[in-house]
Amino acid sequence: MTKSIFGLKLSAIAILIFVICFFGSTEVLILLGAFALLLEKNRWLTKQAFQALYLKLSYIIALRAVGWVFDFFRFLFGRTGFLATTQDIINFLLGLAFLLLVLLAILRLHREEDADLPLFANLADYTLNIVREKVAPVVSKPVPPAPTTAPPPPTVPVVPVMPTATDSTDNWICTCGRTNTGRFCMSCGLSRTIQATTAPAAAPHEPQPVEQAVEAETEAESEAESEAEADVFVDQVVAETAAVEEAVVEQTEDVVVVQEPAAEEPVESAEVRAAAGRWICADCSRENFDKFCRGCGKPRPT
């Protein structure tokens, strides 16, 4: 509890006001109310002073009203002992009620609470224009969280999928290491069917990184393109050579028919007419460049 300008507790001053209310006069209560209102300027103390003042005024008015009522009865019926005794009893009850209210107020003020006398507290509130409505506690509304935008998903780099290089069905590798296109190897004469059945098992493919796989595929494609270009060039050379040989054979046959029959077999004449480094197989009439025919596997004649 706060103290007054004289260093006294406000509750002690309020108790003193109610004691003066019971034993003192109305003028003293008015002075104490003015002190609380003008000097202290404390609403709580001013309210206690007004409650004590209204209580004192009410007690005085009640005594005056009872006295006027019994004076009227005496005027009508004369002075009797019954009316005097009744008036004394009513005055005693009023004084007892006044004393109980003062004691109740003092006990509450001793606990540093409001006197809160019935009816008089409301009159003091109206006088001081104090609104005593119980205000419900204001519950603050929860602040909605600020909308957060989800971060965009991370972009995953797209790895280009390179088409796997497939081995050409026309090319095959012999056990001697030579790449061939026919049914027989041109270096050792081994047949392609035997090669397929006796070929060693391929080593298990080990997973490679993306860069190595791309490089391997690029190399395989470049090798396949170079081999295809070589085969096309060889086929062109063979076709041109065969056309030249056919023209030579036709001219030779015409000469032989006019002069005399050929002394040798057609196979031998064809082998003799073959250019150096190239030879034509007598069985399949295919032009070759190595020791074995790539069409039938026949060895090159010595």
C-alpha atoms as a PDB file:
ATOM      1  CA  MET A   1       0.000   0.000   0.000  1.00  0.00           C
ATOM      2  CA  THR A   2       1.314   3.433  -0.931  1.00  0.00           C
ATOM      3  CA  LYS A   3       1.903   6.187   1.596  1.00  0.00           C
ATOM      4  CA  SER A   4       0.385   9.648   1.830  1.00  0.00           C
ATOM      5  CA  ILE A   5       2.159  12.975   1.606  1.00  0.00           C
ATOM      6  CA  PHE A   6       2.653  12.867   5.375  1.00  0.00           C
ATOM      7  CA  GLY A   7       4.348   9.476   5.295  1.00  0.00           C
ATOM      8  CA  LEU A   8       1.323   7.546   6.595  1.00  0.00           C
ATOM      9  CA  LYS A   9      -0.205   4.508   4.964  1.00  0.00           C
ATOM     10  CA  LEU A  10      -3.385   5.180   3.101  1.00  0.00           C
ATOM     11  CA  SER A  11      -5.055   2.245   4.855  1.00  0.00           C
ATOM     12  CA  ALA A  12      -4.278   3.827   8.244  1.00  0.00           C
ATOM     13  CA  ILE A  13      -5.805   7.133   7.124  1.00  0.00           C
ATOM     14  CA  ALA A  14      -8.920   5.293   5.906  1.00  0.00           C
ATOM     15  CA  ILE A  15      -9.275   3.521   9.311  1.00  0.00           C
ATOM     16  CA  LEU A  16      -8.956   6.887  11.033  1.00  0.00           C
ATOM     17  CA  ILE A  17     -11.722   8.282   8.806  1.00  0.00           C
ATOM     18  CA  PHE A  18     -14.154   5.502   9.830  1.00  0.00           C
ATOM     19  CA  VAL A  19     -13.255   5.951  13.546  1.00  0.00           C
ATOM     20  CA  ILE A  20     -14.058   9.650  13.248  1.00  0.00           C
ATOM     21  CA  CYS A  21     -17.210   8.657  11.362  1.00  0.00           C
ATOM     22  CA  PHE A  22     -18.429   6.773  14.448  1.00  0.00           C
ATOM     23  CA  PHE A  23     -17.246   9.144  17.193  1.00  0.00           C
ATOM     24  CA  GLY A  24     -16.835  12.494  15.404  1.00  0.00           C
ATOM     25  CA  SER A  25     -18.977  14.970  13.572  1.00  0.00           C
ATOM     26  CA  THR A  26     -20.007  15.376   9.966  1.00  0.00           C
ATOM     27  CA  GLU A  27     -17.875  18.471   9.442  1.00  0.00           C
ATOM     28  CA  VAL A  28     -14.675  16.553  10.243  1.00  0.00           C
ATOM     29  CA  LEU A  29     -15.614  13.862   7.718  1.00  0.00           C
ATOM     30  CA  ILE A  30     -16.187  16.520   5.064  1.00  0.00           C
ATOM     31  CA  LEU A  31     -12.724  17.958   5.749  1.00  0.00           C
ATOM     32  CA  LEU A  32     -11.090  14.488   5.503  1.00  0.00           C
ATOM     33  CA  GLY A  33     -12.911  13.856   2.214  1.00  0.00           C
ATOM     34  CA  ALA A  34     -11.648  17.139   0.831  1.00  0.00           C
ATOM     35  CA  PHE A  35      -8.124  16.266   1.971  1.00  0.00           C
ATOM     36  CA  ALA A  36      -8.243  12.930   0.150  1.00  0.00           C
ATOM     37  CA  LEU A  37      -9.769  14.450  -2.972  1.00  0.00           C
ATOM     38  CA  LEU A  38      -7.740  17.624  -3.322  1.00  0.00           C
ATOM     39  CA  LEU A  39      -4.391  16.948  -1.640  1.00  0.00           C
ATOM     40  CA  GLU A  40      -3.803  13.197  -1.844  1.00  0.00           C
ATOM     41  CA  LYS A  41      -5.597  12.831  -5.216  1.00  0.00           C
ATOM     42  CA  ASN A  42      -5.898   9.127  -4.544  1.00  0.00           C
ATOM     43  CA  ARG A  43      -9.148   7.619  -5.735  1.00  0.00           C
ATOM     44  CA  TRP A  44      -9.039   4.675  -3.382  1.00  0.00           C
ATOM     45  CA  LEU A  45      -8.691   6.893  -0.282  1.00  0.00           C
ATOM     46  CA  THR A  46     -11.293   9.318  -1.609  1.00  0.00           C
ATOM     47  CA  LYS A  47     -13.735   6.460  -2.083  1.00  0.00           C
ATOM     48  CA  GLN A  48     -13.285   5.310   1.548  1.00  0.00           C
ATOM     49  CA  ALA A  49     -13.821   8.873   2.763  1.00  0.00           C
ATOM     50  CA  PHE A  50     -17.056   9.211   0.762  1.00  0.00           C
ATOM     51  CA  GLN A  51     -18.309   5.843   2.051  1.00  0.00           C
ATOM     52  CA  ALA A  52     -17.744   6.992   5.652  1.00  0.00           C
ATOM     53  CA  LEU A  53     -19.439  10.326   4.943  1.00  0.00           C
ATOM     54  CA  TYR A  54     -22.494   8.674   3.349  1.00  0.00           C
ATOM     55  CA  LEU A  55     -22.696   6.172   6.223  1.00  0.00           C
ATOM     56  CA  LYS A  56     -22.658   8.994   8.803  1.00  0.00           C
ATOM     57  CA  LEU A  57     -25.226  11.013   6.889  1.00  0.00           C
ATOM     58  CA  SER A  58     -27.500   7.996   6.507  1.00  0.00           C
ATOM     59  CA  TYR A  59     -27.347   7.254  10.240  1.00  0.00           C
ATOM     60  CA  ILE A  60     -28.174  10.866  11.094  1.00  0.00           C
ATOM     61  CA  ILE A  61     -31.067  10.964   8.595  1.00  0.00           C
ATOM     62  CA  ALA A  62     -32.447   7.660   9.933  1.00  0.00           C
ATOM     63  CA  LEU A  63     -32.412   8.985  13.529  1.00  0.00           C
ATOM     64  CA  ARG A  64     -34.092  12.196  12.445  1.00  0.00           C
ATOM     65  CA  ALA A  65     -36.751  10.304  10.493  1.00  0.00           C
ATOM     66  CA  VAL A  66     -37.549   8.031  13.450  1.00  0.00           C
ATOM     67  CA  GLY A  67     -37.746  11.047  15.758  1.00  0.00           C
ATOM     68  CA  TRP A  68     -40.159  12.843  13.397  1.00  0.00           C
ATOM     69  CA  VAL A  69     -42.381   9.773  13.143  1.00  0.00           C
ATOM     70  CA  PHE A  70     -42.667   9.345  16.918  1.00  0.00           C
ATOM     71  CA  ASP A  71     -43.175  13.116  17.412  1.00  0.00           C
ATOM     72  CA  PHE A  72     -46.168  12.832  15.107  1.00  0.00           C
ATOM     73  CA  PHE A  73     -47.499   9.886  17.139  1.00  0.00           C
ATOM     74  CA  ARG A  74     -47.083  11.876  20.381  1.00  0.00           C
ATOM     75  CA  PHE A  75     -48.939  14.749  18.802  1.00  0.00           C
ATOM     76  CA  LEU A  76     -51.831  12.384  18.088  1.00  0.00           C
ATOM     77  CA  PHE A  77     -51.849  10.163  21.205  1.00  0.00           C
ATOM     78  CA  GLY A  78     -49.987  12.289  23.718  1.00  0.00           C
ATOM     79  CA  ARG A  79     -46.885  11.367  25.628  1.00  0.00           C
ATOM     80  CA  THR A  80     -46.980   7.705  26.529  1.00  0.00           C
ATOM     81  CA  GLY A  81     -44.305   5.320  27.801  1.00  0.00           C
ATOM     82  CA  PHE A  82     -44.925   2.845  24.997  1.00  0.00           C
ATOM     83  CA  LEU A  83     -43.953   5.305  22.289  1.00  0.00           C
ATOM     84  CA  ALA A  84     -40.810   6.362  24.138  1.00  0.00           C
ATOM     85  CA  THR A  85     -39.724   2.767  24.701  1.00  0.00           C
ATOM     86  CA  THR A  86     -40.325   1.872  21.047  1.00  0.00           C
ATOM     87  CA  GLN A  87     -38.338   4.866  19.876  1.00  0.00           C
ATOM     88  CA  ASP A  88     -35.426   3.944  22.139  1.00  0.00           C
ATOM     89  CA  ILE A  89     -35.390   0.373  20.796  1.00  0.00           C
ATOM     90  CA  ILE A  90     -35.359   1.579  17.172  1.00  0.00           C
ATOM     91  CA  ASN A  91     -32.589   4.067  17.913  1.00  0.00           C
ATOM     92  CA  PHE A  92     -30.570   1.301  19.578  1.00  0.00           C
ATOM     93  CA  LEU A  93     -30.964  -0.992  16.566  1.00  0.00           C
ATOM     94  CA  LEU A  94     -29.912   1.808  14.231  1.00  0.00           C
ATOM     95  CA  GLY A  95     -26.849   2.559  16.358  1.00  0.00           C
ATOM     96  CA  LEU A  96     -25.961  -1.156  16.492  1.00  0.00           C
ATOM     97  CA  ALA A  97     -26.184  -1.440  12.685  1.00  0.00           C
ATOM     98  CA  PHE A  98     -24.076   1.688  12.339  1.00  0.00           C
ATOM     99  CA  LEU A  99     -21.424   0.231  14.680  1.00  0.00           C
ATOM    100  CA  LEU A 100     -21.339  -3.118  12.828  1.00  0.00           C
ATOM    101  CA  LEU A 101     -20.858  -1.428   9.474  1.00  0.00           C
ATOM    102  CA  VAL A 102     -18.015   0.689  10.839  1.00  0.00           C
ATOM    103  CA  LEU A 103     -16.301  -2.393  12.350  1.00  0.00           C
ATOM    104  CA  LEU A 104     -16.725  -4.296   9.068  1.00  0.00           C
ATOM    105  CA  ALA A 105     -15.122  -1.440   7.137  1.00  0.00           C
ATOM    106  CA  ILE A 106     -12.217  -1.183   9.626  1.00  0.00           C
ATOM    107  CA  LEU A 107     -11.508  -4.933   9.406  1.00  0.00           C
ATOM    108  CA  ARG A 108     -11.390  -4.818   5.605  1.00  0.00           C
ATOM    109  CA  LEU A 109      -9.195  -1.727   5.592  1.00  0.00           C
ATOM    110  CA  HIS A 110      -6.834  -3.392   8.054  1.00  0.00           C
ATOM    111  CA  ARG A 111      -6.298  -6.099   5.415  1.00  0.00           C
ATOM    112  CA  GLU A 112      -5.633  -3.272   2.932  1.00  0.00           C
ATOM    113  CA  GLU A 113      -8.818  -4.004   1.060  1.00  0.00           C
ATOM    114  CA  ASP A 114     -11.709  -1.814  -0.009  1.00  0.00           C
ATOM    115  CA  ALA A 115     -14.374  -1.229   2.695  1.00  0.00           C
ATOM    116  CA  ASP A 116     -17.015  -2.055   0.068  1.00  0.00           C
ATOM    117  CA  LEU A 117     -20.025  -1.275   2.268  1.00  0.00           C
ATOM    118  CA  PRO A 118     -23.341  -2.268   0.704  1.00  0.00           C
ATOM    119  CA  LEU A 119     -25.124   0.605  -1.061  1.00  0.00           C
ATOM    120  CA  PHE A 120     -22.575   3.174   0.151  1.00  0.00           C
ATOM    121  CA  ALA A 121     -19.808   1.837  -2.129  1.00  0.00           C
ATOM    122  CA  ASN A 122     -22.090   2.338  -5.126  1.00  0.00           C
ATOM    123  CA  LEU A 123     -22.909   5.872  -4.028  1.00  0.00           C
ATOM    124  CA  ALA A 124     -19.191   6.628  -3.734  1.00  0.00           C
ATOM    125  CA  ASP A 125     -18.600   5.192  -7.211  1.00  0.00           C
ATOM    126  CA  TYR A 126     -21.306   7.363  -8.681  1.00  0.00           C
ATOM    127  CA  THR A 127     -19.871  10.379  -6.940  1.00  0.00           C
ATOM    128  CA  LEU A 128     -16.339   9.798  -8.220  1.00  0.00           C
ATOM    129  CA  ASN A 129     -17.582   8.589 -11.609  1.00  0.00           C
ATOM    130  CA  ILE A 130     -15.742   5.319 -11.147  1.00  0.00           C
ATOM    131  CA  VAL A 131     -16.883   2.523 -13.378  1.00  0.00           C
ATOM    132  CA  ARG A 132     -16.658  -0.735 -11.468  1.00  0.00           C
ATOM    133  CA  GLU A 133     -17.659  -3.036 -14.268  1.00  0.00           C
ATOM    134  CA  LYS A 134     -15.556  -6.153 -14.388  1.00  0.00           C
ATOM    135  CA  VAL A 135     -13.735  -6.046 -17.673  1.00  0.00           C
ATOM    136  CA  ALA A 136     -13.038  -9.449 -19.120  1.00  0.00           C
ATOM    137  CA  PRO A 137      -9.396 -10.035 -19.887  1.00  0.00           C
ATOM    138  CA  VAL A 138      -8.650  -9.323 -23.501  1.00  0.00           C
ATOM    139  CA  VAL A 139      -7.232 -12.362 -25.168  1.00  0.00           C
ATOM    140  CA  SER A 140      -4.842 -11.317 -27.836  1.00  0.00           C
ATOM    141  CA  LYS A 141      -5.474 -12.979 -31.120  1.00  0.00           C
ATOM    142  CA  PRO A 142      -2.653 -15.132 -32.306  1.00  0.00           C
ATOM    143  CA  VAL A 143      -0.748 -13.510 -35.096  1.00  0.00           C
ATOM    144  CA  PRO A 144      -0.894 -15.775 -38.136  1.00  0.00           C
ATOM    145  CA  PRO A 145       2.541 -16.717 -39.368  1.00  0.00           C
ATOM    146  CA  ALA A 146       3.740 -15.008 -42.468  1.00  0.00           C
ATOM    147  CA  PRO A 147       3.210 -17.143 -45.560  1.00  0.00           C
ATOM    148  CA  THR A 148       6.413 -18.770 -46.580  1.00  0.00           C
ATOM    149  CA  THR A 149       7.061 -19.682 -50.156  1.00  0.00           C
ATOM    150  CA  ALA A 150       8.532 -23.109 -50.617  1.00  0.00           C
ATOM    151  CA  PRO A 151      11.950 -23.030 -52.260  1.00  0.00           C
ATOM    152  CA  PRO A 152      12.026 -24.381 -55.805  1.00  0.00           C
ATOM    153  CA  PRO A 153      13.206 -27.959 -56.081  1.00  0.00           C
ATOM    154  CA  PRO A 154      16.843 -28.338 -57.035  1.00  0.00           C
ATOM    155  CA  THR A 155      17.398 -28.868 -60.720  1.00  0.00           C
ATOM    156  CA  VAL A 156      18.987 -32.191 -61.501  1.00  0.00           C
ATOM    157  CA  PRO A 157      21.360 -32.045 -64.458  1.00  0.00           C
ATOM    158  CA  VAL A 158      20.117 -34.183 -67.261  1.00  0.00           C
ATOM    159  CA  VAL A 159      22.715 -36.704 -68.326  1.00  0.00           C
ATOM    160  CA  PRO A 160      22.426 -37.349 -72.035  1.00  0.00           C
ATOM    161  CA  VAL A 161      21.745 -40.967 -72.699  1.00  0.00           C
ATOM    162  CA  MET A 162      23.976 -42.078 -75.514  1.00  0.00           C
ATOM    163  CA  PRO A 163      22.755 -44.959 -77.590  1.00  0.00           C
ATOM    164  CA  THR A 164      24.791 -48.073 -76.970  1.00  0.00           C
ATOM    165  CA  ALA A 165      26.948 -49.118 -79.820  1.00  0.00           C
ATOM    166  CA  THR A 166      25.795 -52.411 -81.212  1.00  0.00           C
ATOM    167  CA  ASP A 167      28.114 -54.701 -83.026  1.00  0.00           C
ATOM    168  CA  SER A 168      27.379 -55.054 -86.680  1.00  0.00           C
ATOM    169  CA  THR A 169      26.004 -58.439 -87.628  1.00  0.00           C
ATOM    170  CA  ASP A 170      28.300 -58.518 -90.676  1.00  0.00           C
ATOM    171  CA  ASN A 171      31.536 -57.999 -88.730  1.00  0.00           C
ATOM    172  CA  TRP A 172      33.111 -60.645 -86.509  1.00  0.00           C
ATOM    173  CA  ILE A 173      36.503 -61.024 -84.867  1.00  0.00           C
ATOM    174  CA  CYS A 174      38.481 -64.213 -85.261  1.00  0.00           C
ATOM    175  CA  THR A 175      40.550 -65.829 -82.516  1.00  0.00           C
ATOM    176  CA  CYS A 176      43.646 -64.579 -84.311  1.00  0.00           C
ATOM    177  CA  GLY A 177      42.470 -60.970 -83.854  1.00  0.00           C
ATOM    178  CA  ARG A 178      41.464 -60.255 -87.444  1.00  0.00           C
ATOM    179  CA  THR A 179      38.151 -58.475 -88.129  1.00  0.00           C
ATOM    180  CA  ASN A 180      36.264 -60.169 -90.970  1.00  0.00           C
ATOM    181  CA  THR A 181      33.064 -59.677 -92.896  1.00  0.00           C
ATOM    182  CA  GLY A 182      32.653 -63.037 -94.664  1.00  0.00           C
ATOM    183  CA  ARG A 183      32.087 -66.555 -93.417  1.00  0.00           C
ATOM    184  CA  PHE A 184      35.805 -67.400 -93.137  1.00  0.00           C
ATOM    185  CA  CYS A 185      38.749 -65.573 -91.630  1.00  0.00           C
ATOM    186  CA  MET A 186      41.037 -64.039 -94.262  1.00  0.00           C
ATOM    187  CA  SER A 187      44.148 -64.654 -92.136  1.00  0.00           C
ATOM    188  CA  CYS A 188      43.782 -68.160 -90.717  1.00  0.00           C
ATOM    189  CA  GLY A 189      40.826 -69.553 -92.702  1.00  0.00           C
ATOM    190  CA  LEU A 190      38.795 -70.470 -89.600  1.00  0.00           C
ATOM    191  CA  SER A 191      35.039 -70.675 -90.225  1.00  0.00           C
ATOM    192  CA  ARG A 192      32.701 -68.175 -88.595  1.00  0.00           C
ATOM    193  CA  THR A 193      30.455 -70.942 -87.183  1.00  0.00           C
ATOM    194  CA  ILE A 194      33.410 -72.583 -85.418  1.00  0.00           C
ATOM    195  CA  GLN A 195      34.508 -69.199 -84.144  1.00  0.00           C
ATOM    196  CA  ALA A 196      31.056 -68.554 -82.608  1.00  0.00           C
ATOM    197  CA  THR A 197      31.046 -71.879 -80.738  1.00  0.00           C
ATOM    198  CA  THR A 198      34.651 -71.699 -79.531  1.00  0.00           C
ATOM    199  CA  ALA A 199      34.780 -67.990 -78.679  1.00  0.00           C
ATOM    200  CA  PRO A 200      35.853 -67.341 -75.077  1.00  0.00           C
ATOM    201  CA  ALA A 201      33.295 -66.005 -72.651  1.00  0.00           C
ATOM    202  CA  ALA A 202      33.156 -62.260 -72.519  1.00  0.00           C
ATOM    203  CA  ALA A 203      34.457 -60.609 -69.414  1.00  0.00           C
ATOM    204  CA  PRO A 204      31.784 -59.268 -67.080  1.00  0.00           C
ATOM    205  CA  HIS A 205      30.933 -55.694 -67.805  1.00  0.00           C
ATOM    206  CA  GLU A 206      32.036 -53.397 -65.079  1.00  0.00           C
ATOM    207  CA  PRO A 207      30.034 -50.266 -64.454  1.00  0.00           C
ATOM    208  CA  GLN A 208      31.832 -47.157 -65.646  1.00  0.00           C
ATOM    209  CA  PRO A 209      31.291 -43.518 -64.893  1.00  0.00           C
ATOM    210  CA  VAL A 210      29.192 -41.511 -67.262  1.00  0.00           C
ATOM    211  CA  GLU A 211      32.179 -39.736 -68.855  1.00  0.00           C
ATOM    212  CA  GLN A 212      34.112 -42.980 -69.467  1.00  0.00           C
ATOM    213  CA  ALA A 213      31.009 -44.654 -70.867  1.00  0.00           C
ATOM    214  CA  VAL A 214      30.439 -41.752 -73.263  1.00  0.00           C
ATOM    215  CA  GLU A 215      34.087 -41.828 -74.381  1.00  0.00           C
ATOM    216  CA  ALA A 216      33.949 -45.604 -74.886  1.00  0.00           C
ATOM    217  CA  GLU A 217      30.758 -45.297 -76.919  1.00  0.00           C
ATOM    218  CA  THR A 218      32.289 -42.524 -79.030  1.00  0.00           C
ATOM    219  CA  GLU A 219      35.397 -44.592 -79.720  1.00  0.00           C
ATOM    220  CA  ALA A 220      33.293 -47.639 -80.591  1.00  0.00           C
ATOM    221  CA  GLU A 221      31.200 -45.565 -82.990  1.00  0.00           C
ATOM    222  CA  SER A 222      34.304 -44.082 -84.643  1.00  0.00           C
ATOM    223  CA  GLU A 223      35.851 -47.561 -85.034  1.00  0.00           C
ATOM    224  CA  ALA A 224      32.630 -48.934 -86.487  1.00  0.00           C
ATOM    225  CA  GLU A 225      32.419 -46.039 -88.943  1.00  0.00           C
ATOM    226  CA  SER A 226      36.067 -46.483 -89.998  1.00  0.00           C
ATOM    227  CA  GLU A 227      35.565 -50.237 -90.496  1.00  0.00           C
ATOM    228  CA  ALA A 228      32.402 -49.617 -92.490  1.00  0.00           C
ATOM    229  CA  GLU A 229      34.214 -47.091 -94.698  1.00  0.00           C
ATOM    230  CA  ALA A 230      37.078 -49.571 -95.206  1.00  0.00           C
ATOM    231  CA  ASP A 231      34.635 -52.337 -96.176  1.00  0.00           C
ATOM    232  CA  VAL A 232      32.877 -50.015 -98.611  1.00  0.00           C
ATOM    233  CA  PHE A 233      36.219 -49.047-100.149  1.00  0.00           C
ATOM    234  CA  VAL A 234      37.273 -52.697-100.430  1.00  0.00           C
ATOM    235  CA  ASP A 235      33.965 -53.626-102.038  1.00  0.00           C
ATOM    236  CA  GLN A 236      34.333 -50.799-104.538  1.00  0.00           C
ATOM    237  CA  VAL A 237      37.883 -51.879-105.403  1.00  0.00           C
ATOM    238  CA  VAL A 238      36.790 -55.499-105.735  1.00  0.00           C
ATOM    239  CA  ALA A 239      33.867 -54.523-107.963  1.00  0.00           C
ATOM    240  CA  GLU A 240      36.079 -52.401-110.212  1.00  0.00           C
ATOM    241  CA  THR A 241      38.706 -55.148-110.388  1.00  0.00           C
ATOM    242  CA  ALA A 242      36.071 -57.767-111.178  1.00  0.00           C
ATOM    243  CA  ALA A 243      34.674 -55.578-113.958  1.00  0.00           C
ATOM    244  CA  VAL A 244      38.146 -55.118-115.407  1.00  0.00           C
ATOM    245  CA  GLU A 245      38.854 -58.821-115.180  1.00  0.00           C
ATOM    246  CA  GLU A 246      35.589 -59.726-116.850  1.00  0.00           C
ATOM    247  CA  ALA A 247      36.409 -57.358-119.709  1.00  0.00           C
ATOM    248  CA  VAL A 248      39.884 -58.893-120.039  1.00  0.00           C
ATOM    249  CA  VAL A 249      38.436 -62.412-119.925  1.00  0.00           C
ATOM    250  CA  GLU A 250      35.902 -61.590-122.628  1.00  0.00           C
ATOM    251  CA  GLN A 251      38.608 -60.147-124.843  1.00  0.00           C
ATOM    252  CA  THR A 252      40.831 -63.169-124.213  1.00  0.00           C
ATOM    253  CA  GLU A 253      38.011 -65.601-124.933  1.00  0.00           C
ATOM    254  CA  ASP A 254      37.295 -63.809-128.187  1.00  0.00           C
ATOM    255  CA  VAL A 255      40.928 -64.094-129.188  1.00  0.00           C
ATOM    256  CA  VAL A 256      41.050 -67.751-128.205  1.00  0.00           C
ATOM    257  CA  VAL A 257      37.914 -68.569-130.125  1.00  0.00           C
ATOM    258  CA  VAL A 258      39.291 -66.973-133.278  1.00  0.00           C
ATOM    259  CA  GLN A 259      42.826 -68.427-133.056  1.00  0.00           C
ATOM    260  CA  GLU A 260      42.847 -71.628-130.974  1.00  0.00           C
ATOM    261  CA  PRO A 261      41.289 -73.168-127.869  1.00  0.00           C
ATOM    262  CA  ALA A 262      42.757 -72.249-124.526  1.00  0.00           C
ATOM    263  CA  ALA A 263      45.598 -74.488-123.427  1.00  0.00           C
ATOM    264  CA  GLU A 264      44.891 -74.122-119.743  1.00  0.00           C
ATOM    265  CA  GLU A 265      41.785 -74.427-117.573  1.00  0.00           C
ATOM    266  CA  PRO A 266      39.755 -71.306-116.865  1.00  0.00           C
ATOM    267  CA  VAL A 267      40.746 -71.448-113.252  1.00  0.00           C
ATOM    268  CA  GLU A 268      44.454 -71.345-113.994  1.00  0.00           C
ATOM    269  CA  SER A 269      44.065 -68.549-116.541  1.00  0.00           C
ATOM    270  CA  ALA A 270      42.094 -66.536-113.975  1.00  0.00           C
ATOM    271  CA  GLU A 271      44.772 -67.065-111.338  1.00  0.00           C
ATOM    272  CA  VAL A 272      47.470 -66.088-113.790  1.00  0.00           C
ATOM    273  CA  ARG A 273      45.604 -62.950-114.767  1.00  0.00           C
ATOM    274  CA  ALA A 274      45.126 -61.937-111.092  1.00  0.00           C
ATOM    275  CA  ALA A 275      47.077 -58.883-110.112  1.00  0.00           C
ATOM    276  CA  ALA A 276      49.889 -58.998-107.607  1.00  0.00           C
ATOM    277  CA  GLY A 277      48.509 -59.127-103.994  1.00  0.00           C
ATOM    278  CA  ARG A 278      45.011 -60.098-105.169  1.00  0.00           C
ATOM    279  CA  TRP A 279      43.745 -63.524-106.110  1.00  0.00           C
ATOM    280  CA  ILE A 280      40.410 -64.976-107.228  1.00  0.00           C
ATOM    281  CA  CYS A 281      39.098 -68.135-105.676  1.00  0.00           C
ATOM    282  CA  ALA A 282      38.544 -70.920-108.212  1.00  0.00           C
ATOM    283  CA  ASP A 283      35.551 -72.328-106.302  1.00  0.00           C
ATOM    284  CA  CYS A 284      33.482 -69.225-105.562  1.00  0.00           C
ATOM    285  CA  SER A 285      35.141 -66.768-108.006  1.00  0.00           C
ATOM    286  CA  ARG A 286      35.557 -64.270-105.169  1.00  0.00           C
ATOM    287  CA  GLU A 287      38.448 -61.832-105.164  1.00  0.00           C
ATOM    288  CA  ASN A 288      40.618 -61.933-102.030  1.00  0.00           C
ATOM    289  CA  PHE A 289      43.728 -60.199-100.680  1.00  0.00           C
ATOM    290  CA  ASP A 290      44.942 -62.614 -97.959  1.00  0.00           C
ATOM    291  CA  LYS A 291      45.966 -66.226 -97.626  1.00  0.00           C
ATOM    292  CA  PHE A 292      42.428 -67.657 -97.361  1.00  0.00           C
ATOM    293  CA  CYS A 293      39.214 -66.986 -99.266  1.00  0.00           C
ATOM    294  CA  ARG A 294      36.689 -65.074 -97.233  1.00  0.00           C
ATOM    295  CA  GLY A 295      33.810 -66.694 -99.094  1.00  0.00           C
ATOM    296  CA  CYS A 296      34.616 -70.413 -98.872  1.00  0.00           C
ATOM    297  CA  GLY A 297      37.823 -70.582 -96.788  1.00  0.00           C
ATOM    298  CA  LYS A 298      39.959 -72.096 -99.463  1.00  0.00           C
ATOM    299  CA  PRO A 299      43.708 -71.366 -99.047  1.00  0.00           C
ATOM    300  CA  ARG A 300      45.451 -69.177-101.569  1.00  0.00           C
ATOM    301  CA  PRO A 301      47.187 -71.229-104.285  1.00  0.00           C
ATOM    302  CA  THR A 302      50.983 -70.998-104.198  1.00  0.00           C
END
